[in-house]
Amino acid sequence: MQRLRPLLAGIALVVLACLGTGAAAATPRPPASQKLLAMAAGSFVDSVGVNLAPADAAAGWALAQRLQAAGIRHARGPAATGPDDPALEGLRALAGAELQLDLVMGDDADPETTADTAATLGHAVAALEAPAGRTATPLRQAVTAHPRLPGVVVLGDGPGADYQTVQLELDGRCPGCASDQLGSGDAAVQVTEVDLGKGVPGTVAARYLPRLLLANAGAAVRTYVQGSGGQDSGPGLLDVTGAPTPAYRAVANLLALLDDSGKQVQPGRLGLELTGDVAGVQHRLLQKADGHFWLALWVERAGWDPATGRELAVPGQQVTVALETPVAGAREFVPELGTTAQRSFTDPPGEARQLDTIQLEATDRVLVLELLPRRADGAAPRATTPPLAAGPAATATQRPVVKGSDQPATPTTRPAGDDAQVAAAGEPAAALDPASRSPLAFTGSTALSMLGASLLLMLVGVAALFASRRRYHHRH
């Protein structure tokens, strides 16, 4: 027995060492420097709008299809001056597509007539806007007195407006390079127009507009970007023929990735810290109803020099995302390039095997990092793809129903083959989910526990062998 005492003492030390190592591995990381409050992903998607002016029903339906394909739910345009205004048919097409409308009253229009005409569009009317430079009080009185416009907000300047209107004129500068025009940032404003500036290339607009929308979210209730851009105002989401621009595709992909099926949830907080080359790096943290966080990162630098008319190269910057709590996995998306994950991250090799730091290259393109919670319940959401662009041919379709209206919309047309495209677009693209690994996959804590158990069993076996040998020699 005396010979076994050193061996038993060694076994005890090994067991204690294993337990101590396990306890050290289970000790949480020191709290990150800040816990960020996320924004609901659905709220961000709902903050995006587009300026449109459909001339007739066919134009309205074509524009509505573009917005639906991009995941945009809000449109702003001129209010019809009366029941005989030809533009009313285009607005009815937008209303029949279940878009929410912000209608701008004309300079010489009568507030009561504007309210009466807007009421024929039913529940699609979300806001009525007073003319620029005019008080919103008369329009407020007309909306309040109208029995068929409950809940419709009034936009404008000064008293009588529920939200103040802001027009952003960037003059070719990057979104973060212009002076702050959103006031206190308490969501008491709506950005009704965005002017990128004359000569801005479409490729630059594809980087500026997603960054602008992410930066404005939370500071403004809604930001309406240009639909069809102009020569002086810069490119919009559509060109002069109504075809999608690079900015359309970048915004559509961003909204597709962050779409939460209309859910509005109370988001939580996430402890994280950005380290490395973070000069000029901006971020926006969002969260979906399934608990997954989405971190948008970009470098806010000019990609266009309006003085020389030249594009500027913005070098990438190495940034580390340090998480207070490890995650099961992460996926990196670049909306400008599509909705397919560019990279996936899982537990790194080594003894710790905990994914609590992620190395990224931030550029002037928006990068979106999906963080999959550790031990998440159920499968992770899959990346989605925006619906295909509509073809040029058109066939007749039934009248869209305008909800809350006493009359149907005018018969419209839509591109041939659209039903098949929409059906195909409804199927999300499958993507590998790092959180859905096999139950037999080894994590860092699992491997450490198995190593400790193996050492303990081996030492017990050695002790048993020595004990049996001692008994044998004692008998003989």
Protein backbone atom coordinates (compact mmCIF):
# COMPACT_ATOMS: atom_id res chain seq x y z
CA MET A 1 0.00 0.00 0.00
CA GLN A 2 2.86 2.34 0.73
CA ARG A 3 4.13 1.85 -2.82
CA LEU A 4 0.73 2.86 -4.20
CA ARG A 5 0.51 6.11 -2.26
CA PRO A 6 2.72 8.10 -4.67
CA LEU A 7 0.77 6.67 -7.59
CA LEU A 8 -2.59 7.57 -6.01
CA ALA A 9 -1.29 11.04 -5.20
CA GLY A 10 -0.30 11.45 -8.85
CA ILE A 11 -3.75 10.36 -9.98
CA ALA A 12 -5.33 12.91 -7.64
CA LEU A 13 -3.11 15.66 -9.01
CA VAL A 14 -3.99 14.75 -12.60
CA VAL A 15 -7.72 14.76 -11.78
CA LEU A 16 -7.44 18.12 -10.06
CA ALA A 17 -5.46 19.51 -12.99
CA CYS A 18 -8.12 18.33 -15.43
CA LEU A 19 -10.87 19.85 -13.33
CA GLY A 20 -8.94 23.09 -13.05
CA THR A 21 -8.35 23.22 -16.79
CA GLY A 22 -12.05 22.58 -17.43
CA ALA A 23 -12.99 25.33 -15.00
CA ALA A 24 -10.58 27.72 -16.68
CA ALA A 25 -12.08 26.86 -20.08
CA ALA A 26 -15.56 27.46 -18.75
CA THR A 27 -14.63 30.86 -17.29
CA PRO A 28 -16.28 33.53 -19.43
CA ARG A 29 -14.22 36.11 -21.23
CA PRO A 30 -13.96 39.51 -19.61
CA PRO A 31 -16.88 41.71 -20.65
CA ALA A 32 -16.40 43.52 -23.92
CA SER A 33 -15.99 47.27 -23.85
CA GLN A 34 -19.61 47.81 -24.87
CA LYS A 35 -22.90 46.00 -25.21
CA LEU A 36 -24.64 47.23 -28.31
CA LEU A 37 -28.40 47.43 -28.53
CA ALA A 38 -29.51 45.89 -31.81
CA MET A 39 -32.15 47.23 -34.15
CA ALA A 40 -34.90 44.88 -35.28
CA ALA A 41 -34.06 43.73 -38.81
CA GLY A 42 -37.71 44.10 -39.79
CA SER A 43 -37.67 47.74 -38.67
CA PHE A 44 -34.71 48.44 -40.90
CA VAL A 45 -36.40 46.87 -43.93
CA ASP A 46 -39.49 48.97 -43.18
CA SER A 47 -37.39 52.15 -43.10
CA VAL A 48 -36.58 51.99 -46.83
CA GLY A 49 -38.72 53.81 -49.39
CA VAL A 50 -38.48 54.97 -53.01
CA ASN A 51 -39.62 58.10 -54.83
CA LEU A 52 -41.83 57.27 -57.83
CA ALA A 53 -44.24 59.10 -60.11
CA PRO A 54 -46.29 56.56 -62.11
CA ALA A 55 -48.02 58.20 -65.04
CA ASP A 56 -50.70 55.55 -65.60
CA ALA A 57 -51.82 52.10 -64.49
CA ALA A 58 -49.33 50.19 -66.64
CA ALA A 59 -46.43 52.27 -65.38
CA GLY A 60 -47.66 51.92 -61.81
CA TRP A 61 -47.86 48.16 -62.03
CA ALA A 62 -44.38 47.89 -63.59
CA LEU A 63 -42.91 50.04 -60.82
CA ALA A 64 -44.77 48.08 -58.16
CA GLN A 65 -43.27 44.84 -59.42
CA ARG A 66 -39.79 46.32 -59.23
CA LEU A 67 -40.35 47.39 -55.65
CA GLN A 68 -41.84 44.06 -54.63
CA ALA A 69 -38.88 42.22 -56.16
CA ALA A 70 -36.52 44.42 -54.17
CA GLY A 71 -38.41 43.94 -50.90
CA ILE A 72 -39.35 47.63 -50.68
CA ARG A 73 -42.75 48.36 -49.14
CA HIS A 74 -42.99 52.16 -49.25
CA ALA A 75 -43.33 54.54 -52.19
CA ARG A 76 -43.53 58.34 -52.27
CA GLY A 77 -44.99 60.33 -55.11
CA PRO A 78 -47.24 63.25 -56.12
CA ALA A 79 -50.80 63.11 -54.82
CA ALA A 80 -53.59 63.13 -57.39
CA THR A 81 -55.21 66.54 -57.71
CA GLY A 82 -58.68 65.06 -58.04
CA PRO A 83 -60.70 62.05 -59.23
CA ASP A 84 -60.05 62.99 -62.88
CA ASP A 85 -56.26 63.16 -62.56
CA PRO A 86 -54.74 60.49 -64.91
CA ALA A 87 -51.96 59.88 -62.37
CA LEU A 88 -54.58 58.43 -60.00
CA GLU A 89 -54.63 55.21 -62.03
CA GLY A 90 -50.91 54.72 -61.49
CA LEU A 91 -51.36 55.25 -57.75
CA ARG A 92 -54.19 52.70 -57.73
CA ALA A 93 -51.84 50.16 -59.28
CA LEU A 94 -49.32 50.80 -56.50
CA ALA A 95 -52.09 50.52 -53.91
CA GLY A 96 -53.30 47.27 -55.47
CA ALA A 97 -49.80 45.86 -55.02
CA GLU A 98 -50.17 46.54 -51.27
CA LEU A 99 -47.46 49.21 -51.16
CA GLN A 100 -47.68 51.91 -48.51
CA LEU A 101 -47.90 55.37 -50.06
CA ASP A 102 -46.66 58.81 -49.02
CA LEU A 103 -48.51 61.28 -51.23
CA VAL A 104 -47.19 64.82 -51.67
CA MET A 105 -49.80 67.56 -52.11
CA GLY A 106 -49.23 69.98 -54.99
CA ASP A 107 -48.35 73.62 -54.36
CA ASP A 108 -51.73 74.92 -55.52
CA ALA A 109 -53.82 71.92 -54.50
CA ASP A 110 -56.74 72.13 -52.10
CA PRO A 111 -56.13 70.15 -48.87
CA GLU A 112 -59.74 68.87 -48.66
CA THR A 113 -59.74 67.70 -52.29
CA THR A 114 -56.35 66.05 -51.81
CA ALA A 115 -57.63 64.22 -48.74
CA ASP A 116 -60.84 63.10 -50.51
CA THR A 117 -58.90 61.74 -53.49
CA ALA A 118 -56.34 59.99 -51.30
CA ALA A 119 -59.16 58.28 -49.40
CA THR A 120 -60.19 56.45 -52.60
CA LEU A 121 -56.88 54.55 -52.39
CA GLY A 122 -57.97 52.88 -49.17
CA HIS A 123 -55.54 51.55 -46.58
CA ALA A 124 -52.55 51.99 -48.87
CA VAL A 125 -52.21 55.66 -47.90
CA ALA A 126 -49.80 55.87 -44.96
CA ALA A 127 -48.93 59.57 -45.11
CA LEU A 128 -49.90 62.84 -46.75
CA GLU A 129 -47.18 65.44 -47.17
CA ALA A 130 -47.53 69.22 -47.31
CA PRO A 131 -45.72 71.09 -50.11
CA ALA A 132 -42.16 72.14 -49.38
CA GLY A 133 -41.97 75.49 -47.66
CA ARG A 134 -45.68 75.48 -46.74
CA THR A 135 -47.14 74.97 -43.29
CA ALA A 136 -48.69 71.57 -42.69
CA THR A 137 -51.58 72.89 -40.58
CA PRO A 138 -54.25 73.07 -43.35
CA LEU A 139 -53.43 69.53 -44.49
CA ARG A 140 -53.51 68.34 -40.88
CA GLN A 141 -57.00 69.78 -40.45
CA ALA A 142 -58.22 68.11 -43.65
CA VAL A 143 -56.80 64.71 -42.67
CA THR A 144 -58.14 64.90 -39.11
CA ALA A 145 -61.63 65.79 -40.32
CA HIS A 146 -61.78 63.02 -42.93
CA PRO A 147 -63.49 59.86 -41.62
CA ARG A 148 -61.71 57.55 -44.07
CA LEU A 149 -58.15 58.56 -43.24
CA PRO A 150 -57.66 57.22 -39.72
CA GLY A 151 -54.04 56.75 -38.71
CA VAL A 152 -52.69 58.65 -41.73
CA VAL A 153 -49.72 60.77 -40.63
CA VAL A 154 -48.92 64.24 -41.93
CA LEU A 155 -45.42 65.16 -43.08
CA GLY A 156 -44.12 68.68 -43.54
CA ASP A 157 -42.46 71.62 -41.89
CA GLY A 158 -43.36 73.22 -38.59
CA PRO A 159 -46.62 72.89 -36.64
CA GLY A 160 -49.25 70.40 -37.79
CA ALA A 161 -46.74 67.79 -38.99
CA ASP A 162 -46.27 64.45 -37.26
CA TYR A 163 -42.80 64.18 -38.75
CA GLN A 164 -40.54 66.87 -40.15
CA THR A 165 -39.22 66.32 -43.68
CA VAL A 166 -35.53 66.40 -44.54
CA GLN A 167 -33.91 66.48 -47.98
CA LEU A 168 -30.33 65.18 -48.19
CA GLU A 169 -28.10 66.76 -50.83
CA LEU A 170 -24.75 65.01 -50.92
CA ASP A 171 -23.33 66.84 -53.97
CA GLY A 172 -21.19 63.86 -54.85
CA ARG A 173 -19.83 63.36 -51.34
CA CYS A 174 -20.00 60.08 -49.47
CA PRO A 175 -22.92 59.71 -47.01
CA GLY A 176 -20.72 60.18 -43.94
CA CYS A 177 -18.73 63.02 -45.52
CA ALA A 178 -21.71 65.41 -45.61
CA SER A 179 -22.83 67.39 -42.59
CA ASP A 180 -25.39 65.80 -40.29
CA GLN A 181 -28.83 66.91 -41.45
CA LEU A 182 -31.00 64.62 -39.34
CA GLY A 183 -31.05 66.84 -36.27
CA SER A 184 -31.08 65.10 -32.90
CA GLY A 185 -31.47 61.67 -34.48
CA ASP A 186 -34.50 60.83 -32.34
CA ALA A 187 -36.52 59.47 -35.27
CA ALA A 188 -38.69 62.60 -35.44
CA VAL A 189 -37.90 63.10 -39.13
CA GLN A 190 -38.37 61.39 -42.46
CA VAL A 191 -35.83 61.77 -45.25
CA THR A 192 -38.08 62.38 -48.23
CA GLU A 193 -35.41 62.91 -50.90
CA VAL A 194 -31.79 61.86 -51.40
CA ASP A 195 -29.72 63.69 -54.02
CA LEU A 196 -26.42 61.89 -54.61
CA GLY A 197 -25.14 64.59 -56.93
CA LYS A 198 -24.47 65.11 -60.60
CA GLY A 199 -22.12 62.66 -62.29
CA VAL A 200 -21.94 60.03 -59.55
CA PRO A 201 -21.36 56.66 -61.31
CA GLY A 202 -23.77 53.79 -60.80
CA THR A 203 -21.05 51.65 -59.20
CA VAL A 204 -20.44 54.34 -56.57
CA ALA A 205 -24.18 54.73 -55.94
CA ALA A 206 -24.32 50.98 -55.30
CA ARG A 207 -21.99 51.54 -52.35
CA TYR A 208 -23.32 54.87 -51.13
CA LEU A 209 -27.03 54.05 -50.93
CA PRO A 210 -26.83 50.89 -48.75
CA ARG A 211 -24.49 52.75 -46.39
CA LEU A 212 -26.83 55.73 -46.26
CA LEU A 213 -29.85 53.55 -45.49
CA LEU A 214 -28.03 51.72 -42.69
CA ALA A 215 -26.70 54.95 -41.18
CA ASN A 216 -30.12 56.65 -41.28
CA ALA A 217 -32.01 53.72 -39.76
CA GLY A 218 -33.09 54.64 -36.26
CA ALA A 219 -32.29 58.32 -36.76
CA ALA A 220 -35.07 58.75 -39.33
CA VAL A 221 -38.36 56.88 -39.54
CA ARG A 222 -37.90 56.33 -43.24
CA THR A 223 -35.49 57.25 -46.02
CA TYR A 224 -36.85 57.60 -49.56
CA VAL A 225 -34.15 57.20 -52.22
CA GLN A 226 -34.50 58.07 -55.87
CA GLY A 227 -36.40 55.68 -58.09
CA SER A 228 -35.48 56.93 -61.54
CA GLY A 229 -32.45 59.15 -61.03
CA GLY A 230 -31.82 62.31 -62.99
CA GLN A 231 -28.85 63.91 -64.65
CA ASP A 232 -28.49 66.43 -61.83
CA SER A 233 -29.56 64.24 -58.90
CA GLY A 234 -27.40 61.23 -59.70
CA PRO A 235 -28.43 57.60 -60.27
CA GLY A 236 -31.33 55.97 -58.48
CA LEU A 237 -32.54 52.41 -58.23
CA LEU A 238 -33.87 52.42 -61.79
CA ASP A 239 -32.54 53.89 -65.01
CA VAL A 240 -34.54 55.98 -67.48
CA THR A 241 -36.00 52.82 -69.05
CA GLY A 242 -37.07 51.41 -65.67
CA ALA A 243 -34.36 48.74 -65.62
CA PRO A 244 -32.54 47.96 -62.34
CA THR A 245 -29.26 49.74 -61.68
CA PRO A 246 -26.29 48.41 -59.66
CA ALA A 247 -27.69 50.34 -56.67
CA TYR A 248 -31.02 48.50 -57.05
CA ARG A 249 -29.30 45.14 -56.87
CA ALA A 250 -27.17 46.12 -53.87
CA VAL A 251 -30.17 47.46 -51.93
CA ALA A 252 -32.38 44.51 -52.95
CA ASN A 253 -29.77 42.00 -51.77
CA LEU A 254 -29.32 43.82 -48.47
CA LEU A 255 -33.07 43.80 -47.84
CA ALA A 256 -33.33 40.14 -48.86
CA LEU A 257 -30.69 39.15 -46.33
CA LEU A 258 -32.30 41.17 -43.53
CA ASP A 259 -35.93 40.41 -44.35
CA ASP A 260 -37.75 39.05 -41.30
CA SER A 261 -41.13 38.29 -42.91
CA GLY A 262 -42.69 41.45 -41.53
CA LYS A 263 -41.94 40.54 -37.92
CA GLN A 264 -41.34 43.33 -35.43
CA VAL A 265 -39.49 42.07 -32.36
CA GLN A 266 -37.85 43.63 -29.33
CA PRO A 267 -34.13 43.24 -30.06
CA GLY A 268 -31.51 42.47 -27.46
CA ARG A 269 -27.94 43.49 -26.79
CA LEU A 270 -24.68 41.93 -27.91
CA GLY A 271 -21.30 42.41 -26.28
CA LEU A 272 -18.70 43.06 -28.94
CA GLU A 273 -15.66 45.18 -29.65
CA LEU A 274 -14.08 46.17 -32.95
CA THR A 275 -10.29 46.23 -32.93
CA GLY A 276 -7.56 46.55 -35.51
CA ASP A 277 -7.61 49.16 -38.26
CA VAL A 278 -10.98 50.70 -37.34
CA ALA A 279 -10.39 54.25 -38.63
CA GLY A 280 -13.51 55.28 -40.55
CA VAL A 281 -15.21 51.91 -39.91
CA GLN A 282 -18.96 52.25 -39.25
CA HIS A 283 -21.31 49.53 -38.07
CA ARG A 284 -24.97 48.76 -37.50
CA LEU A 285 -26.15 45.83 -35.36
CA LEU A 286 -29.47 44.17 -36.21
CA GLN A 287 -31.34 41.15 -34.90
CA LYS A 288 -34.01 38.87 -36.33
CA ALA A 289 -36.88 37.15 -34.55
CA ASP A 290 -34.90 33.87 -34.44
CA GLY A 291 -32.27 35.52 -32.24
CA HIS A 292 -29.55 35.71 -34.87
CA PHE A 293 -27.55 38.95 -34.88
CA TRP A 294 -26.49 40.61 -38.13
CA LEU A 295 -23.57 43.04 -37.97
CA ALA A 296 -23.17 45.42 -40.93
CA LEU A 297 -19.69 46.91 -41.38
CA TRP A 298 -18.29 49.36 -43.87
CA VAL A 299 -15.53 51.95 -44.28
CA GLU A 300 -17.05 55.41 -44.63
CA ARG A 301 -14.72 57.03 -47.14
CA ALA A 302 -15.26 58.80 -50.44
CA GLY A 303 -15.30 56.57 -53.51
CA TRP A 304 -15.82 59.48 -55.89
CA ASP A 305 -14.15 62.85 -56.33
CA PRO A 306 -16.79 65.31 -57.60
CA ALA A 307 -14.14 67.92 -58.38
CA THR A 308 -12.22 65.74 -60.84
CA GLY A 309 -15.00 63.31 -61.77
CA ARG A 310 -12.87 60.29 -60.91
CA GLU A 311 -13.56 57.20 -58.85
CA LEU A 312 -11.35 56.74 -55.80
CA ALA A 313 -9.95 53.42 -54.59
CA VAL A 314 -10.64 52.72 -50.92
CA PRO A 315 -8.17 50.18 -49.49
CA GLY A 316 -9.43 47.37 -47.28
CA GLN A 317 -8.84 47.45 -43.54
CA GLN A 318 -8.27 44.44 -41.28
CA VAL A 319 -10.82 44.45 -38.47
CA THR A 320 -11.34 41.97 -35.65
CA VAL A 321 -14.80 41.41 -34.19
CA ALA A 322 -14.28 40.31 -30.55
CA LEU A 323 -17.41 38.80 -29.00
CA GLU A 324 -18.15 38.65 -25.30
CA THR A 325 -19.97 35.33 -25.75
CA PRO A 326 -18.72 32.75 -28.30
CA VAL A 327 -21.03 31.81 -31.15
CA ALA A 328 -21.56 28.50 -32.90
CA GLY A 329 -20.75 29.93 -36.30
CA ALA A 330 -20.88 32.97 -38.55
CA ARG A 331 -21.39 33.78 -42.21
CA GLU A 332 -20.10 36.75 -44.19
CA PHE A 333 -22.18 38.37 -46.95
CA VAL A 334 -21.45 41.25 -49.32
CA PRO A 335 -24.83 42.44 -50.68
CA GLU A 336 -23.24 44.19 -53.62
CA LEU A 337 -21.99 40.78 -54.80
CA GLY A 338 -25.16 38.80 -54.07
CA THR A 339 -26.89 36.85 -51.31
CA THR A 340 -24.52 33.88 -51.21
CA ALA A 341 -22.18 33.69 -48.23
CA GLN A 342 -18.66 34.71 -49.16
CA ARG A 343 -17.14 32.93 -46.15
CA SER A 344 -18.28 30.76 -43.24
CA PHE A 345 -16.69 30.58 -39.80
CA THR A 346 -16.83 27.69 -37.31
CA ASP A 347 -14.95 26.81 -34.10
CA PRO A 348 -11.23 27.27 -34.82
CA PRO A 349 -8.76 24.40 -34.24
CA GLY A 350 -6.88 24.20 -30.97
CA GLU A 351 -7.57 23.47 -27.34
CA ALA A 352 -9.97 26.39 -26.75
CA ARG A 353 -12.04 25.89 -29.92
CA GLN A 354 -14.37 28.80 -29.22
CA LEU A 355 -15.46 31.21 -31.92
CA ASP A 356 -15.24 34.52 -30.10
CA THR A 357 -13.05 36.48 -32.52
CA ILE A 358 -13.60 36.86 -36.27
CA GLN A 359 -11.12 38.45 -38.67
CA LEU A 360 -12.67 40.51 -41.46
CA GLU A 361 -11.58 42.90 -44.19
CA ALA A 362 -13.75 46.01 -44.10
CA THR A 363 -14.09 47.99 -47.34
CA ASP A 364 -16.36 50.73 -48.67
CA ARG A 365 -18.77 47.96 -49.64
CA VAL A 366 -21.28 46.99 -46.96
CA LEU A 367 -20.32 43.68 -45.37
CA VAL A 368 -22.93 41.82 -43.32
CA LEU A 369 -21.84 39.26 -40.73
CA GLU A 370 -24.50 36.83 -39.53
CA LEU A 371 -23.78 35.53 -36.02
CA LEU A 372 -25.37 32.16 -35.24
CA PRO A 373 -26.00 31.72 -31.50
CA ARG A 374 -24.37 28.87 -29.67
CA ARG A 375 -26.82 25.98 -29.04
CA ALA A 376 -29.55 27.75 -31.01
CA ASP A 377 -32.97 26.09 -31.03
CA GLY A 378 -33.96 24.89 -34.48
CA ALA A 379 -32.27 25.41 -37.83
CA ALA A 380 -30.72 28.73 -38.72
CA PRO A 381 -32.39 30.92 -41.37
CA ARG A 382 -31.12 30.42 -44.87
CA ALA A 383 -29.85 33.15 -47.13
CA THR A 384 -32.51 34.36 -49.54
CA THR A 385 -32.24 35.62 -53.09
CA PRO A 386 -34.17 38.59 -54.49
CA PRO A 387 -36.79 37.64 -57.12
CA LEU A 388 -35.66 37.61 -60.72
CA ALA A 389 -36.02 40.73 -62.80
CA ALA A 390 -39.21 40.85 -64.86
CA GLY A 391 -39.01 40.17 -68.59
CA PRO A 392 -39.94 42.71 -71.27
CA ALA A 393 -43.08 41.00 -72.58
CA ALA A 394 -46.47 41.80 -71.04
CA THR A 395 -49.75 39.97 -70.72
CA ALA A 396 -53.09 40.98 -69.27
CA THR A 397 -53.86 40.22 -65.65
CA GLN A 398 -56.83 40.67 -63.36
CA ARG A 399 -57.50 43.92 -61.54
CA PRO A 400 -55.54 44.35 -58.33
CA VAL A 401 -57.85 44.93 -55.39
CA VAL A 402 -57.32 48.18 -53.51
CA LYS A 403 -57.98 47.37 -49.85
CA GLY A 404 -60.26 49.79 -48.05
CA SER A 405 -61.37 51.39 -51.31
CA ASP A 406 -64.85 51.50 -52.79
CA GLN A 407 -63.60 50.74 -56.30
CA PRO A 408 -61.14 48.34 -57.95
CA ALA A 409 -58.04 49.47 -59.72
CA THR A 410 -57.90 49.83 -63.47
CA PRO A 411 -56.92 46.67 -65.40
CA THR A 412 -53.17 46.55 -65.72
CA THR A 413 -50.50 44.51 -67.49
CA ARG A 414 -47.51 42.66 -66.23
CA PRO A 415 -44.53 40.87 -67.76
CA ALA A 416 -45.07 37.43 -69.21
CA GLY A 417 -43.65 34.57 -67.24
CA ASP A 418 -43.76 36.59 -64.05
CA ASP A 419 -45.70 33.93 -62.12
CA ALA A 420 -43.00 31.36 -62.71
CA GLN A 421 -40.28 33.82 -61.75
CA VAL A 422 -42.01 34.82 -58.53
CA ALA A 423 -42.62 31.16 -57.66
CA ALA A 424 -38.98 30.34 -58.27
CA ALA A 425 -37.88 33.36 -56.24
CA GLY A 426 -40.00 32.20 -53.33
CA GLU A 427 -37.65 29.28 -52.74
CA PRO A 428 -34.71 30.48 -50.63
CA ALA A 429 -31.24 29.42 -51.64
CA ALA A 430 -29.89 26.71 -49.40
CA ALA A 431 -26.73 27.52 -47.49
CA LEU A 432 -24.57 25.56 -45.10
CA ASP A 433 -25.43 26.46 -41.54
CA PRO A 434 -22.45 26.13 -39.17
CA ALA A 435 -24.87 25.84 -36.25
CA SER A 436 -26.47 22.68 -37.68
CA ARG A 437 -23.41 20.47 -37.36
CA SER A 438 -23.73 16.80 -36.48
CA PRO A 439 -24.33 16.08 -32.77
CA LEU A 440 -21.08 14.10 -32.85
CA ALA A 441 -19.02 17.09 -33.85
CA PHE A 442 -16.34 17.88 -31.29
CA THR A 443 -16.23 21.28 -29.65
CA GLY A 444 -13.34 22.55 -27.55
CA SER A 445 -14.96 21.68 -24.21
CA THR A 446 -15.93 18.19 -25.47
CA ALA A 447 -12.40 17.37 -26.56
CA LEU A 448 -10.94 18.59 -23.25
CA SER A 449 -13.39 16.52 -21.20
CA MET A 450 -12.67 13.37 -23.24
CA LEU A 451 -8.92 13.91 -22.86
CA GLY A 452 -9.23 14.21 -19.07
CA ALA A 453 -11.45 11.13 -18.86
CA SER A 454 -9.00 9.12 -21.00
CA LEU A 455 -6.05 10.05 -18.77
CA LEU A 456 -8.02 9.17 -15.66
CA LEU A 457 -9.02 5.74 -17.02
CA MET A 458 -5.46 5.02 -18.08
CA LEU A 459 -4.08 5.89 -14.63
CA VAL A 460 -6.75 3.81 -12.88
CA GLY A 461 -5.81 0.87 -15.09
CA VAL A 462 -2.12 1.29 -14.21
CA ALA A 463 -3.00 1.43 -10.50
CA ALA A 464 -5.09 -1.74 -10.80
CA LEU A 465 -2.22 -3.49 -12.57
CA PHE A 466 0.25 -2.60 -9.79
CA ALA A 467 -2.22 -3.68 -7.15
CA SER A 468 -2.76 -7.07 -8.80
CA ARG A 469 0.99 -7.63 -9.12
CA ARG A 470 1.45 -6.82 -5.43
CA ARG A 471 -1.24 -9.34 -4.43
CA TYR A 472 0.35 -11.96 -6.67
CA HIS A 473 3.80 -11.52 -5.09
CA HIS A 474 2.31 -11.51 -1.56
CA ARG A 475 0.64 -14.89 -2.16
CA HIS A 476 3.75 -16.45 -3.61
